[in-house]
Amino acid sequence: MIWGSLMKLLYGLVVTSLLLLHQAAHAQQPERARRTAEIPKPDLVDEHYGPHQRQVFDLWKAKSDKPTPLVVYIHGGGFRGGDKSSISPALFALLDKGISLMAIHYRLSPEVAFPAHYKDSARAIQFARYHAKDWNIDPLRIGATGGSAGAGTSLWLGFHDDMADPNSDDPVLRESTRLSCMAVFGAQSTYDPHVIKEWIGEAAARHPAMEGFYGI
């Protein structure tokens, strides 16, 4: 008797959950359409900054007679997912301020592990500097933004030593990786599992994203 009542309750919860998910999915469709409509057409779409299929970017050039600053959007997703389409329509207000915008993909775990995700973003910045003259970009004024994994990557790049290799056979890698600024949200200030464990506990340090990040 009790088991039958429990099964009916669970069945009701499952059906209710499915209905709510269905309604939420339909509610998101107009939002996605609105969001897509608010994003202007890029000047460059899915251009490669490296040989891998995910080493691509979109670029929106601000209209200007002189070289413009550039903001690079690095998406979140726990280094396991996400893509450049998550860029916020609000960022496109930068174009009206004379600031160009770039949104990138990068390789993901478990295909790659630390520091490959970071190095991809660094190369994208170097690629932008290499093409600064062609794109009317000021190579001394490049910043980065993003949330979660994109925020952590932006901070890592901003505080890391310059990774330019003046002796590289690849001219892109001879360019600087330095950033003028970082504006991030939902950032993690460290990915060191020992520090995470000390600050907020064992469970956070063993998050699945951390295992993939380090290729464990």
N, C-alpha and C. Protein backbone atom coordinates (compact mmCIF):
# COMPACT_ATOMS: atom_id res chain seq x y z
N MET A 1 0.84 -1.21 0.00
CA MET A 1 0.00 0.00 0.00
C MET A 1 0.87 1.26 0.00
N ILE A 2 1.81 1.28 0.95
CA ILE A 2 2.70 2.44 1.03
C ILE A 2 3.55 2.53 -0.22
N TRP A 3 4.05 1.35 -0.69
CA TRP A 3 4.89 1.32 -1.89
C TRP A 3 4.12 1.83 -3.11
N GLY A 4 2.84 1.43 -3.22
CA GLY A 4 2.03 1.88 -4.35
C GLY A 4 1.83 3.39 -4.32
N SER A 5 1.57 3.93 -3.14
CA SER A 5 1.40 5.37 -3.00
C SER A 5 2.68 6.12 -3.35
N LEU A 6 3.81 5.53 -2.91
CA LEU A 6 5.11 6.15 -3.18
C LEU A 6 5.39 6.17 -4.68
N MET A 7 5.07 5.05 -5.36
CA MET A 7 5.30 4.98 -6.80
C MET A 7 4.44 6.00 -7.55
N LYS A 8 3.19 6.16 -7.10
CA LYS A 8 2.32 7.17 -7.72
C LYS A 8 2.89 8.57 -7.53
N LEU A 9 3.42 8.82 -6.32
CA LEU A 9 4.00 10.13 -6.04
C LEU A 9 5.22 10.38 -6.93
N LEU A 10 6.09 9.37 -7.04
CA LEU A 10 7.28 9.51 -7.87
C LEU A 10 6.90 9.70 -9.33
N TYR A 11 5.89 8.95 -9.79
CA TYR A 11 5.43 9.09 -11.17
C TYR A 11 4.93 10.51 -11.42
N GLY A 12 4.17 11.01 -10.44
CA GLY A 12 3.66 12.37 -10.58
C GLY A 12 4.77 13.41 -10.64
N LEU A 13 5.80 13.20 -9.82
CA LEU A 13 6.94 14.12 -9.82
C LEU A 13 7.69 14.08 -11.15
N VAL A 14 7.86 12.87 -11.70
CA VAL A 14 8.56 12.73 -12.98
C VAL A 14 7.78 13.44 -14.09
N VAL A 15 6.47 13.19 -14.15
CA VAL A 15 5.64 13.81 -15.18
C VAL A 15 5.67 15.33 -15.05
N THR A 16 5.54 15.81 -13.81
CA THR A 16 5.58 17.26 -13.57
C THR A 16 6.91 17.85 -14.01
N SER A 17 8.01 17.15 -13.69
CA SER A 17 9.34 17.63 -14.06
C SER A 17 9.50 17.71 -15.57
N LEU A 18 9.00 16.66 -16.26
CA LEU A 18 9.10 16.65 -17.72
C LEU A 18 8.29 17.78 -18.34
N LEU A 19 7.11 18.04 -17.78
CA LEU A 19 6.29 19.14 -18.28
C LEU A 19 6.98 20.48 -18.07
N LEU A 20 7.59 20.65 -16.90
CA LEU A 20 8.29 21.90 -16.61
C LEU A 20 9.49 22.09 -17.53
N LEU A 21 10.22 20.99 -17.78
CA LEU A 21 11.36 21.07 -18.70
C LEU A 21 10.91 21.42 -20.11
N HIS A 22 9.79 20.81 -20.52
CA HIS A 22 9.24 21.09 -21.86
C HIS A 22 8.85 22.56 -21.98
N GLN A 23 8.18 23.08 -20.93
CA GLN A 23 7.77 24.48 -20.95
C GLN A 23 8.98 25.40 -20.95
N ALA A 24 10.01 25.03 -20.16
CA ALA A 24 11.22 25.86 -20.10
C ALA A 24 11.92 25.89 -21.44
N ALA A 25 11.97 24.74 -22.12
CA ALA A 25 12.63 24.68 -23.43
C ALA A 25 11.91 25.58 -24.43
N HIS A 26 10.57 25.54 -24.41
CA HIS A 26 9.81 26.39 -25.33
C HIS A 26 9.95 27.86 -24.96
N ALA A 27 10.03 28.13 -23.67
CA ALA A 27 10.19 29.53 -23.23
C ALA A 27 11.54 30.08 -23.66
N GLN A 28 12.55 29.21 -23.76
CA GLN A 28 13.88 29.66 -24.13
C GLN A 28 14.01 29.93 -25.62
N GLN A 29 13.14 29.32 -26.43
CA GLN A 29 13.25 29.49 -27.88
C GLN A 29 13.12 30.94 -28.31
N PRO A 30 12.09 31.70 -27.84
CA PRO A 30 12.03 33.12 -28.21
C PRO A 30 13.24 33.89 -27.70
N GLU A 31 13.73 33.51 -26.51
CA GLU A 31 14.90 34.19 -25.95
C GLU A 31 16.12 33.96 -26.82
N ARG A 32 16.31 32.71 -27.28
CA ARG A 32 17.44 32.41 -28.17
C ARG A 32 17.31 33.19 -29.47
N ALA A 33 16.08 33.24 -30.01
CA ALA A 33 15.86 33.97 -31.26
C ALA A 33 16.16 35.46 -31.07
N ARG A 34 15.70 36.01 -29.93
CA ARG A 34 15.95 37.43 -29.66
C ARG A 34 17.44 37.69 -29.52
N ARG A 35 18.12 36.77 -28.81
CA ARG A 35 19.55 36.93 -28.57
C ARG A 35 20.33 36.87 -29.87
N THR A 36 19.95 35.92 -30.74
CA THR A 36 20.61 35.79 -32.04
C THR A 36 20.40 37.04 -32.88
N ALA A 37 19.18 37.58 -32.82
CA ALA A 37 18.87 38.78 -33.61
C ALA A 37 19.67 39.98 -33.15
N GLU A 38 20.06 39.99 -31.86
CA GLU A 38 20.79 41.13 -31.32
C GLU A 38 22.28 41.08 -31.63
N ILE A 39 22.75 39.95 -32.13
CA ILE A 39 24.18 39.81 -32.43
C ILE A 39 24.44 40.18 -33.88
N PRO A 40 25.22 41.21 -34.13
CA PRO A 40 25.48 41.62 -35.51
C PRO A 40 26.33 40.58 -36.25
N LYS A 41 26.28 40.63 -37.56
CA LYS A 41 27.04 39.69 -38.37
C LYS A 41 28.54 39.98 -38.23
N PRO A 42 29.35 38.95 -37.94
CA PRO A 42 30.79 39.18 -37.80
C PRO A 42 31.45 39.52 -39.14
N ASP A 43 32.56 40.21 -39.05
CA ASP A 43 33.36 40.48 -40.25
C ASP A 43 34.13 39.23 -40.67
N LEU A 44 34.52 38.43 -39.69
CA LEU A 44 35.17 37.15 -39.95
C LEU A 44 34.46 36.08 -39.13
N VAL A 45 34.15 34.94 -39.75
CA VAL A 45 33.40 33.88 -39.08
C VAL A 45 34.18 32.56 -39.16
N ASP A 46 34.36 31.92 -38.00
CA ASP A 46 35.01 30.61 -37.92
C ASP A 46 36.37 30.60 -38.63
N GLU A 47 37.09 31.70 -38.48
CA GLU A 47 38.45 31.76 -39.00
C GLU A 47 39.38 30.99 -38.06
N HIS A 48 40.38 30.33 -38.61
CA HIS A 48 41.29 29.53 -37.79
C HIS A 48 42.46 30.36 -37.28
N TYR A 49 42.76 30.20 -35.99
CA TYR A 49 44.00 30.75 -35.44
C TYR A 49 45.01 29.63 -35.17
N GLY A 50 44.59 28.39 -35.42
CA GLY A 50 45.43 27.21 -35.27
C GLY A 50 44.86 26.08 -36.10
N PRO A 51 45.55 24.93 -36.15
CA PRO A 51 45.14 23.84 -37.03
C PRO A 51 43.95 23.01 -36.55
N HIS A 52 43.68 22.99 -35.24
CA HIS A 52 42.61 22.16 -34.71
C HIS A 52 41.25 22.74 -35.09
N GLN A 53 40.24 21.85 -35.21
CA GLN A 53 38.91 22.29 -35.63
C GLN A 53 38.26 23.27 -34.65
N ARG A 54 38.68 23.23 -33.38
CA ARG A 54 38.11 24.16 -32.40
C ARG A 54 38.95 25.43 -32.25
N GLN A 55 40.05 25.53 -32.92
CA GLN A 55 40.88 26.74 -32.83
C GLN A 55 40.39 27.75 -33.87
N VAL A 56 39.19 28.27 -33.61
CA VAL A 56 38.55 29.21 -34.53
C VAL A 56 38.01 30.41 -33.75
N PHE A 57 37.68 31.46 -34.49
CA PHE A 57 37.18 32.68 -33.86
C PHE A 57 36.25 33.41 -34.80
N ASP A 58 35.44 34.31 -34.21
CA ASP A 58 34.67 35.29 -34.96
C ASP A 58 35.23 36.66 -34.60
N LEU A 59 35.16 37.59 -35.54
CA LEU A 59 35.69 38.94 -35.30
C LEU A 59 34.71 39.98 -35.79
N TRP A 60 34.46 40.97 -34.92
CA TRP A 60 33.66 42.14 -35.27
C TRP A 60 34.57 43.36 -35.20
N LYS A 61 34.72 44.06 -36.30
CA LYS A 61 35.61 45.23 -36.35
C LYS A 61 34.81 46.50 -36.08
N ALA A 62 35.28 47.28 -35.13
CA ALA A 62 34.67 48.59 -34.89
C ALA A 62 35.06 49.52 -36.03
N LYS A 63 34.13 50.36 -36.43
CA LYS A 63 34.41 51.32 -37.51
C LYS A 63 35.24 52.47 -36.95
N SER A 64 36.43 52.64 -37.52
CA SER A 64 37.33 53.68 -37.02
C SER A 64 38.40 53.97 -38.06
N ASP A 65 38.83 55.23 -38.08
CA ASP A 65 39.92 55.62 -38.98
C ASP A 65 41.29 55.31 -38.39
N LYS A 66 41.31 54.99 -37.10
CA LYS A 66 42.58 54.68 -36.45
C LYS A 66 42.47 53.31 -35.77
N PRO A 67 43.60 52.68 -35.46
CA PRO A 67 43.56 51.35 -34.83
C PRO A 67 42.74 51.34 -33.55
N THR A 68 41.92 50.31 -33.41
CA THR A 68 41.01 50.21 -32.27
C THR A 68 41.51 49.22 -31.22
N PRO A 69 41.09 49.40 -29.97
CA PRO A 69 41.33 48.35 -28.97
C PRO A 69 40.56 47.09 -29.36
N LEU A 70 40.93 45.97 -28.77
CA LEU A 70 40.27 44.69 -29.03
C LEU A 70 39.96 44.00 -27.71
N VAL A 71 38.73 43.50 -27.56
CA VAL A 71 38.35 42.66 -26.43
C VAL A 71 38.13 41.25 -26.94
N VAL A 72 38.78 40.28 -26.30
CA VAL A 72 38.66 38.87 -26.68
C VAL A 72 37.74 38.18 -25.69
N TYR A 73 36.63 37.62 -26.19
CA TYR A 73 35.70 36.88 -25.34
C TYR A 73 36.10 35.40 -25.31
N ILE A 74 36.31 34.87 -24.08
CA ILE A 74 36.68 33.47 -23.89
C ILE A 74 35.53 32.79 -23.14
N HIS A 75 34.89 31.83 -23.76
CA HIS A 75 33.68 31.24 -23.18
C HIS A 75 33.98 30.35 -21.97
N GLY A 76 32.94 30.14 -21.16
CA GLY A 76 33.02 29.22 -20.03
C GLY A 76 32.54 27.84 -20.42
N GLY A 77 32.43 26.96 -19.40
CA GLY A 77 31.96 25.60 -19.64
C GLY A 77 32.78 24.55 -18.93
N GLY A 78 33.51 24.96 -17.89
CA GLY A 78 34.28 24.00 -17.11
C GLY A 78 35.41 23.34 -17.88
N PHE A 79 35.86 23.98 -18.95
CA PHE A 79 36.91 23.44 -19.83
C PHE A 79 36.48 22.14 -20.50
N ARG A 80 35.18 21.80 -20.37
CA ARG A 80 34.66 20.56 -20.95
C ARG A 80 33.60 20.82 -22.00
N GLY A 81 33.10 22.04 -22.08
CA GLY A 81 32.03 22.36 -23.01
C GLY A 81 31.98 23.85 -23.28
N GLY A 82 30.90 24.28 -23.91
CA GLY A 82 30.73 25.69 -24.22
C GLY A 82 31.32 26.06 -25.56
N ASP A 83 30.94 27.24 -26.04
CA ASP A 83 31.50 27.74 -27.30
C ASP A 83 31.29 29.24 -27.39
N LYS A 84 31.81 29.83 -28.44
CA LYS A 84 31.81 31.28 -28.59
C LYS A 84 30.42 31.87 -28.81
N SER A 85 29.43 31.03 -29.13
CA SER A 85 28.08 31.54 -29.35
C SER A 85 27.43 32.03 -28.05
N SER A 86 28.06 31.73 -26.91
CA SER A 86 27.52 32.17 -25.62
C SER A 86 27.82 33.64 -25.33
N ILE A 87 28.47 34.31 -26.25
CA ILE A 87 28.81 35.72 -26.05
C ILE A 87 27.54 36.54 -25.78
N SER A 88 27.62 37.45 -24.82
CA SER A 88 26.46 38.26 -24.45
C SER A 88 26.24 39.38 -25.47
N PRO A 89 24.98 39.59 -25.88
CA PRO A 89 24.69 40.71 -26.78
C PRO A 89 25.13 42.06 -26.21
N ALA A 90 25.20 42.15 -24.88
CA ALA A 90 25.60 43.41 -24.25
C ALA A 90 27.02 43.82 -24.65
N LEU A 91 27.86 42.85 -24.96
CA LEU A 91 29.25 43.17 -25.32
C LEU A 91 29.35 43.95 -26.63
N PHE A 92 28.32 43.84 -27.46
CA PHE A 92 28.40 44.50 -28.76
C PHE A 92 28.24 46.01 -28.68
N ALA A 93 27.91 46.50 -27.48
CA ALA A 93 27.92 47.95 -27.26
C ALA A 93 29.34 48.49 -27.40
N LEU A 94 30.33 47.61 -27.24
CA LEU A 94 31.73 48.03 -27.38
C LEU A 94 32.00 48.55 -28.79
N LEU A 95 31.33 47.97 -29.78
CA LEU A 95 31.56 48.38 -31.16
C LEU A 95 31.23 49.86 -31.35
N ASP A 96 30.16 50.31 -30.69
CA ASP A 96 29.76 51.72 -30.78
C ASP A 96 30.75 52.64 -30.09
N LYS A 97 31.56 52.07 -29.20
CA LYS A 97 32.58 52.84 -28.48
C LYS A 97 33.94 52.76 -29.18
N GLY A 98 33.96 52.16 -30.37
CA GLY A 98 35.21 52.08 -31.11
C GLY A 98 36.13 50.96 -30.65
N ILE A 99 35.54 49.91 -30.05
CA ILE A 99 36.33 48.77 -29.56
C ILE A 99 35.91 47.52 -30.34
N SER A 100 36.85 46.88 -30.99
CA SER A 100 36.57 45.66 -31.75
C SER A 100 36.41 44.47 -30.80
N LEU A 101 35.80 43.41 -31.32
CA LEU A 101 35.44 42.27 -30.48
C LEU A 101 35.79 40.96 -31.19
N MET A 102 36.34 40.04 -30.43
CA MET A 102 36.72 38.72 -30.95
C MET A 102 36.19 37.66 -29.99
N ALA A 103 35.59 36.61 -30.51
CA ALA A 103 35.08 35.50 -29.68
C ALA A 103 35.73 34.22 -30.17
N ILE A 104 36.26 33.42 -29.24
CA ILE A 104 37.05 32.26 -29.64
C ILE A 104 36.50 30.94 -29.10
N HIS A 105 36.81 29.88 -29.82
CA HIS A 105 36.72 28.51 -29.32
C HIS A 105 38.12 28.10 -28.87
N TYR A 106 38.19 27.05 -28.07
CA TYR A 106 39.48 26.45 -27.72
C TYR A 106 39.26 24.96 -27.49
N ARG A 107 40.32 24.19 -27.50
CA ARG A 107 40.19 22.74 -27.30
C ARG A 107 39.71 22.43 -25.88
N LEU A 108 39.01 21.31 -25.74
CA LEU A 108 38.36 20.97 -24.48
C LEU A 108 38.87 19.66 -23.91
N SER A 109 38.69 19.50 -22.60
CA SER A 109 38.91 18.21 -21.95
C SER A 109 37.72 17.30 -22.29
N PRO A 110 37.91 15.98 -22.39
CA PRO A 110 39.14 15.25 -22.04
C PRO A 110 40.14 15.12 -23.18
N GLU A 111 39.87 15.74 -24.33
CA GLU A 111 40.82 15.63 -25.44
C GLU A 111 42.17 16.21 -25.08
N VAL A 112 42.15 17.32 -24.35
CA VAL A 112 43.40 17.95 -23.92
C VAL A 112 43.34 18.23 -22.43
N ALA A 113 44.49 18.48 -21.84
CA ALA A 113 44.57 18.80 -20.41
C ALA A 113 45.40 20.07 -20.24
N PHE A 114 45.40 20.59 -19.02
CA PHE A 114 46.18 21.78 -18.68
C PHE A 114 47.63 21.61 -19.16
N PRO A 115 48.23 22.63 -19.78
CA PRO A 115 47.73 23.99 -19.98
C PRO A 115 47.21 24.26 -21.40
N ALA A 116 46.78 23.21 -22.11
CA ALA A 116 46.40 23.37 -23.52
C ALA A 116 45.27 24.38 -23.71
N HIS A 117 44.27 24.37 -22.80
CA HIS A 117 43.15 25.31 -22.93
C HIS A 117 43.68 26.75 -22.89
N TYR A 118 44.56 27.01 -21.94
CA TYR A 118 45.16 28.34 -21.79
C TYR A 118 45.99 28.71 -23.01
N LYS A 119 46.79 27.75 -23.46
CA LYS A 119 47.70 28.03 -24.57
C LYS A 119 46.92 28.36 -25.85
N ASP A 120 45.76 27.73 -26.03
CA ASP A 120 44.93 28.06 -27.20
C ASP A 120 44.50 29.52 -27.15
N SER A 121 44.03 29.96 -25.98
CA SER A 121 43.60 31.35 -25.85
C SER A 121 44.77 32.30 -26.03
N ALA A 122 45.93 31.91 -25.53
CA ALA A 122 47.12 32.74 -25.71
C ALA A 122 47.45 32.86 -27.20
N ARG A 123 47.35 31.75 -27.92
CA ARG A 123 47.65 31.79 -29.35
C ARG A 123 46.64 32.68 -30.10
N ALA A 124 45.38 32.64 -29.68
CA ALA A 124 44.38 33.49 -30.33
C ALA A 124 44.75 34.96 -30.18
N ILE A 125 45.24 35.33 -29.01
CA ILE A 125 45.67 36.71 -28.77
C ILE A 125 46.89 37.04 -29.63
N GLN A 126 47.82 36.10 -29.72
CA GLN A 126 48.99 36.31 -30.57
C GLN A 126 48.58 36.43 -32.04
N PHE A 127 47.60 35.64 -32.44
CA PHE A 127 47.12 35.68 -33.81
C PHE A 127 46.52 37.05 -34.12
N ALA A 128 45.77 37.59 -33.15
CA ALA A 128 45.18 38.92 -33.33
C ALA A 128 46.28 39.98 -33.48
N ARG A 129 47.32 39.86 -32.67
CA ARG A 129 48.42 40.82 -32.77
C ARG A 129 49.14 40.70 -34.12
N TYR A 130 49.30 39.47 -34.57
CA TYR A 130 49.98 39.24 -35.85
C TYR A 130 49.21 39.90 -37.00
N HIS A 131 47.87 39.94 -36.87
CA HIS A 131 47.03 40.51 -37.92
C HIS A 131 46.51 41.91 -37.55
N ALA A 132 47.14 42.53 -36.57
CA ALA A 132 46.66 43.82 -36.08
C ALA A 132 46.53 44.87 -37.19
N LYS A 133 47.51 44.94 -38.06
CA LYS A 133 47.48 45.94 -39.13
C LYS A 133 46.34 45.64 -40.11
N ASP A 134 46.16 44.37 -40.45
CA ASP A 134 45.10 43.98 -41.39
C ASP A 134 43.72 44.27 -40.82
N TRP A 135 43.57 44.10 -39.50
CA TRP A 135 42.26 44.25 -38.86
C TRP A 135 42.05 45.64 -38.26
N ASN A 136 43.03 46.52 -38.40
CA ASN A 136 42.96 47.86 -37.81
C ASN A 136 42.84 47.78 -36.28
N ILE A 137 43.68 46.92 -35.68
CA ILE A 137 43.70 46.71 -34.24
C ILE A 137 44.96 47.36 -33.64
N ASP A 138 44.81 47.96 -32.47
CA ASP A 138 45.95 48.47 -31.73
C ASP A 138 46.55 47.32 -30.92
N PRO A 139 47.72 46.82 -31.27
CA PRO A 139 48.28 45.65 -30.58
C PRO A 139 48.65 45.90 -29.12
N LEU A 140 48.70 47.17 -28.72
CA LEU A 140 49.03 47.50 -27.33
C LEU A 140 47.79 47.59 -26.44
N ARG A 141 46.61 47.47 -27.06
CA ARG A 141 45.37 47.60 -26.28
C ARG A 141 44.45 46.41 -26.56
N ILE A 142 44.85 45.26 -26.02
CA ILE A 142 44.05 44.04 -26.14
C ILE A 142 43.69 43.55 -24.75
N GLY A 143 42.41 43.34 -24.52
CA GLY A 143 41.93 42.84 -23.23
C GLY A 143 41.15 41.55 -23.42
N ALA A 144 40.78 40.91 -22.31
CA ALA A 144 40.02 39.66 -22.38
C ALA A 144 38.88 39.69 -21.37
N THR A 145 37.82 38.95 -21.71
CA THR A 145 36.67 38.85 -20.82
C THR A 145 36.07 37.45 -20.94
N GLY A 146 35.28 37.07 -19.94
CA GLY A 146 34.62 35.78 -19.97
C GLY A 146 34.13 35.42 -18.58
N GLY A 147 33.36 34.34 -18.51
CA GLY A 147 32.86 33.85 -17.24
C GLY A 147 33.34 32.45 -16.96
N SER A 148 33.45 32.10 -15.68
CA SER A 148 33.84 30.76 -15.25
C SER A 148 35.19 30.38 -15.85
N ALA A 149 35.24 29.33 -16.68
CA ALA A 149 36.52 28.93 -17.28
C ALA A 149 37.12 30.05 -18.11
N GLY A 150 36.26 30.82 -18.79
CA GLY A 150 36.75 31.95 -19.57
C GLY A 150 37.33 33.04 -18.69
N ALA A 151 36.73 33.20 -17.51
CA ALA A 151 37.25 34.18 -16.55
C ALA A 151 38.61 33.73 -16.02
N GLY A 152 38.69 32.45 -15.63
CA GLY A 152 39.96 31.93 -15.12
C GLY A 152 41.07 32.02 -16.15
N THR A 153 40.73 31.73 -17.40
CA THR A 153 41.72 31.82 -18.48
C THR A 153 42.17 33.26 -18.68
N SER A 154 41.23 34.19 -18.65
CA SER A 154 41.56 35.61 -18.81
C SER A 154 42.53 36.07 -17.72
N LEU A 155 42.24 35.66 -16.48
CA LEU A 155 43.11 36.05 -15.37
C LEU A 155 44.49 35.40 -15.50
N TRP A 156 44.51 34.13 -15.88
CA TRP A 156 45.79 33.43 -16.05
C TRP A 156 46.65 34.14 -17.08
N LEU A 157 46.05 34.50 -18.20
CA LEU A 157 46.79 35.19 -19.26
C LEU A 157 47.26 36.57 -18.78
N GLY A 158 46.38 37.26 -18.06
CA GLY A 158 46.70 38.61 -17.63
C GLY A 158 47.85 38.68 -16.64
N PHE A 159 47.95 37.66 -15.78
CA PHE A 159 48.99 37.68 -14.74
C PHE A 159 50.21 36.84 -15.09
N HIS A 160 50.14 36.12 -16.20
CA HIS A 160 51.25 35.26 -16.60
C HIS A 160 52.35 36.09 -17.28
N ASP A 161 53.58 35.60 -17.18
CA ASP A 161 54.66 36.22 -17.93
C ASP A 161 54.36 36.13 -19.43
N ASP A 162 54.92 37.05 -20.18
CA ASP A 162 54.75 37.03 -21.63
C ASP A 162 55.29 35.71 -22.19
N MET A 163 54.49 35.05 -23.02
CA MET A 163 54.88 33.76 -23.59
C MET A 163 55.38 33.87 -25.03
N ALA A 164 55.66 35.08 -25.48
CA ALA A 164 56.21 35.26 -26.83
C ALA A 164 57.54 34.53 -26.95
N ASP A 165 57.73 33.86 -28.08
CA ASP A 165 58.99 33.16 -28.35
C ASP A 165 59.64 33.80 -29.58
N PRO A 166 60.57 34.72 -29.37
CA PRO A 166 61.17 35.44 -30.50
C PRO A 166 61.94 34.55 -31.47
N ASN A 167 62.28 33.33 -31.04
CA ASN A 167 63.05 32.43 -31.89
C ASN A 167 62.19 31.37 -32.58
N SER A 168 60.88 31.47 -32.42
CA SER A 168 59.99 30.47 -33.02
C SER A 168 59.97 30.56 -34.54
N ASP A 169 59.84 29.40 -35.19
CA ASP A 169 59.67 29.38 -36.64
C ASP A 169 58.28 29.85 -37.05
N ASP A 170 57.36 29.82 -36.08
CA ASP A 170 55.99 30.27 -36.33
C ASP A 170 55.91 31.76 -35.99
N PRO A 171 55.66 32.63 -36.97
CA PRO A 171 55.63 34.07 -36.69
C PRO A 171 54.55 34.47 -35.69
N VAL A 172 53.47 33.70 -35.61
CA VAL A 172 52.40 34.01 -34.64
C VAL A 172 52.93 33.88 -33.22
N LEU A 173 53.72 32.84 -32.96
CA LEU A 173 54.24 32.60 -31.61
C LEU A 173 55.31 33.60 -31.20
N ARG A 174 55.76 34.42 -32.12
CA ARG A 174 56.71 35.47 -31.76
C ARG A 174 56.01 36.68 -31.15
N GLU A 175 54.68 36.72 -31.30
CA GLU A 175 53.90 37.86 -30.79
C GLU A 175 53.68 37.75 -29.28
N SER A 176 53.43 38.89 -28.66
CA SER A 176 53.20 38.94 -27.22
C SER A 176 51.84 38.34 -26.85
N THR A 177 51.77 37.76 -25.65
CA THR A 177 50.51 37.26 -25.11
C THR A 177 49.95 38.19 -24.03
N ARG A 178 50.58 39.32 -23.81
CA ARG A 178 50.19 40.22 -22.73
C ARG A 178 48.83 40.84 -22.99
N LEU A 179 48.11 41.10 -21.89
CA LEU A 179 46.81 41.77 -21.94
C LEU A 179 46.91 43.13 -21.26
N SER A 180 46.14 44.08 -21.79
CA SER A 180 46.07 45.39 -21.16
C SER A 180 45.13 45.39 -19.97
N CYS A 181 44.10 44.53 -20.03
CA CYS A 181 43.12 44.48 -18.94
C CYS A 181 42.32 43.18 -19.03
N MET A 182 41.66 42.85 -17.91
CA MET A 182 40.75 41.71 -17.86
C MET A 182 39.48 42.16 -17.15
N ALA A 183 38.32 41.84 -17.71
CA ALA A 183 37.04 42.13 -17.07
C ALA A 183 36.25 40.83 -17.04
N VAL A 184 36.15 40.20 -15.86
CA VAL A 184 35.62 38.84 -15.79
C VAL A 184 34.44 38.74 -14.81
N PHE A 185 33.71 37.63 -14.91
CA PHE A 185 32.59 37.37 -14.01
C PHE A 185 32.55 35.88 -13.69
N GLY A 186 32.11 35.55 -12.47
CA GLY A 186 32.07 34.15 -12.05
C GLY A 186 33.43 33.50 -12.10
N ALA A 187 34.46 34.25 -11.71
CA ALA A 187 35.83 33.76 -11.85
C ALA A 187 36.26 32.87 -10.70
N GLN A 188 37.10 31.89 -11.01
CA GLN A 188 37.79 31.11 -9.99
C GLN A 188 39.20 31.68 -9.87
N SER A 189 39.60 32.02 -8.67
CA SER A 189 40.90 32.65 -8.49
C SER A 189 42.05 31.66 -8.48
N THR A 190 41.74 30.37 -8.43
CA THR A 190 42.77 29.34 -8.50
C THR A 190 42.17 28.04 -9.01
N TYR A 191 43.01 27.24 -9.68
CA TYR A 191 42.64 25.87 -10.06
C TYR A 191 43.57 24.87 -9.40
N ASP A 192 44.26 25.32 -8.37
CA ASP A 192 45.15 24.44 -7.61
C ASP A 192 44.29 23.62 -6.64
N PRO A 193 44.19 22.29 -6.84
CA PRO A 193 43.31 21.49 -5.98
C PRO A 193 43.69 21.54 -4.50
N HIS A 194 44.96 21.72 -4.20
CA HIS A 194 45.38 21.80 -2.80
C HIS A 194 44.85 23.07 -2.15
N VAL A 195 44.90 24.17 -2.88
CA VAL A 195 44.38 25.44 -2.36
C VAL A 195 42.86 25.38 -2.25
N ILE A 196 42.20 24.82 -3.28
CA ILE A 196 40.74 24.70 -3.26
C ILE A 196 40.29 23.87 -2.06
N LYS A 197 40.99 22.76 -1.82
CA LYS A 197 40.64 21.90 -0.68
C LYS A 197 40.77 22.66 0.63
N GLU A 198 41.82 23.45 0.75
CA GLU A 198 42.04 24.21 1.99
C GLU A 198 41.00 25.30 2.17
N TRP A 199 40.61 25.95 1.07
CA TRP A 199 39.69 27.08 1.16
C TRP A 199 38.23 26.66 1.30
N ILE A 200 37.80 25.71 0.44
CA ILE A 200 36.35 25.41 0.42
C ILE A 200 36.01 23.93 0.50
N GLY A 201 37.02 23.07 0.70
CA GLY A 201 36.70 21.68 1.00
C GLY A 201 37.06 20.66 -0.06
N GLU A 202 37.05 19.40 0.36
CA GLU A 202 37.46 18.27 -0.47
C GLU A 202 36.57 18.10 -1.70
N ALA A 203 35.25 18.27 -1.51
CA ALA A 203 34.31 18.02 -2.61
C ALA A 203 34.60 18.93 -3.80
N ALA A 204 34.85 20.20 -3.53
CA ALA A 204 35.14 21.14 -4.62
C ALA A 204 36.45 20.79 -5.31
N ALA A 205 37.43 20.35 -4.54
CA ALA A 205 38.73 20.00 -5.11
C ALA A 205 38.64 18.78 -6.01
N ARG A 206 37.61 17.94 -5.78
CA ARG A 206 37.44 16.72 -6.58
C ARG A 206 36.33 16.86 -7.62
N HIS A 207 35.97 18.09 -7.94
CA HIS A 207 34.95 18.32 -8.96
C HIS A 207 35.38 17.67 -10.28
N PRO A 208 34.44 17.04 -11.01
CA PRO A 208 34.79 16.39 -12.28
C PRO A 208 35.52 17.30 -13.27
N ALA A 209 35.20 18.59 -13.24
CA ALA A 209 35.89 19.52 -14.15
C ALA A 209 37.37 19.59 -13.85
N MET A 210 37.73 19.45 -12.57
CA MET A 210 39.14 19.49 -12.18
C MET A 210 39.88 18.26 -12.71
N GLU A 211 39.22 17.11 -12.66
CA GLU A 211 39.85 15.88 -13.15
C GLU A 211 40.15 15.99 -14.64
N GLY A 212 39.16 16.50 -15.40
CA GLY A 212 39.37 16.67 -16.83
C GLY A 212 40.40 17.73 -17.14
N PHE A 213 40.39 18.79 -16.34
CA PHE A 213 41.31 19.90 -16.55
C PHE A 213 42.76 19.42 -16.48
N TYR A 214 43.04 18.56 -15.51
CA TYR A 214 44.41 18.05 -15.33
C TYR A 214 44.64 16.70 -16.00
N GLY A 215 43.62 16.18 -16.70
CA GLY A 215 43.79 14.91 -17.40
C GLY A 215 43.96 13.72 -16.48
N ILE A 216 43.29 13.76 -15.32
CA ILE A 216 43.43 12.67 -14.34
C ILE A 216 42.47 11.53 -14.70
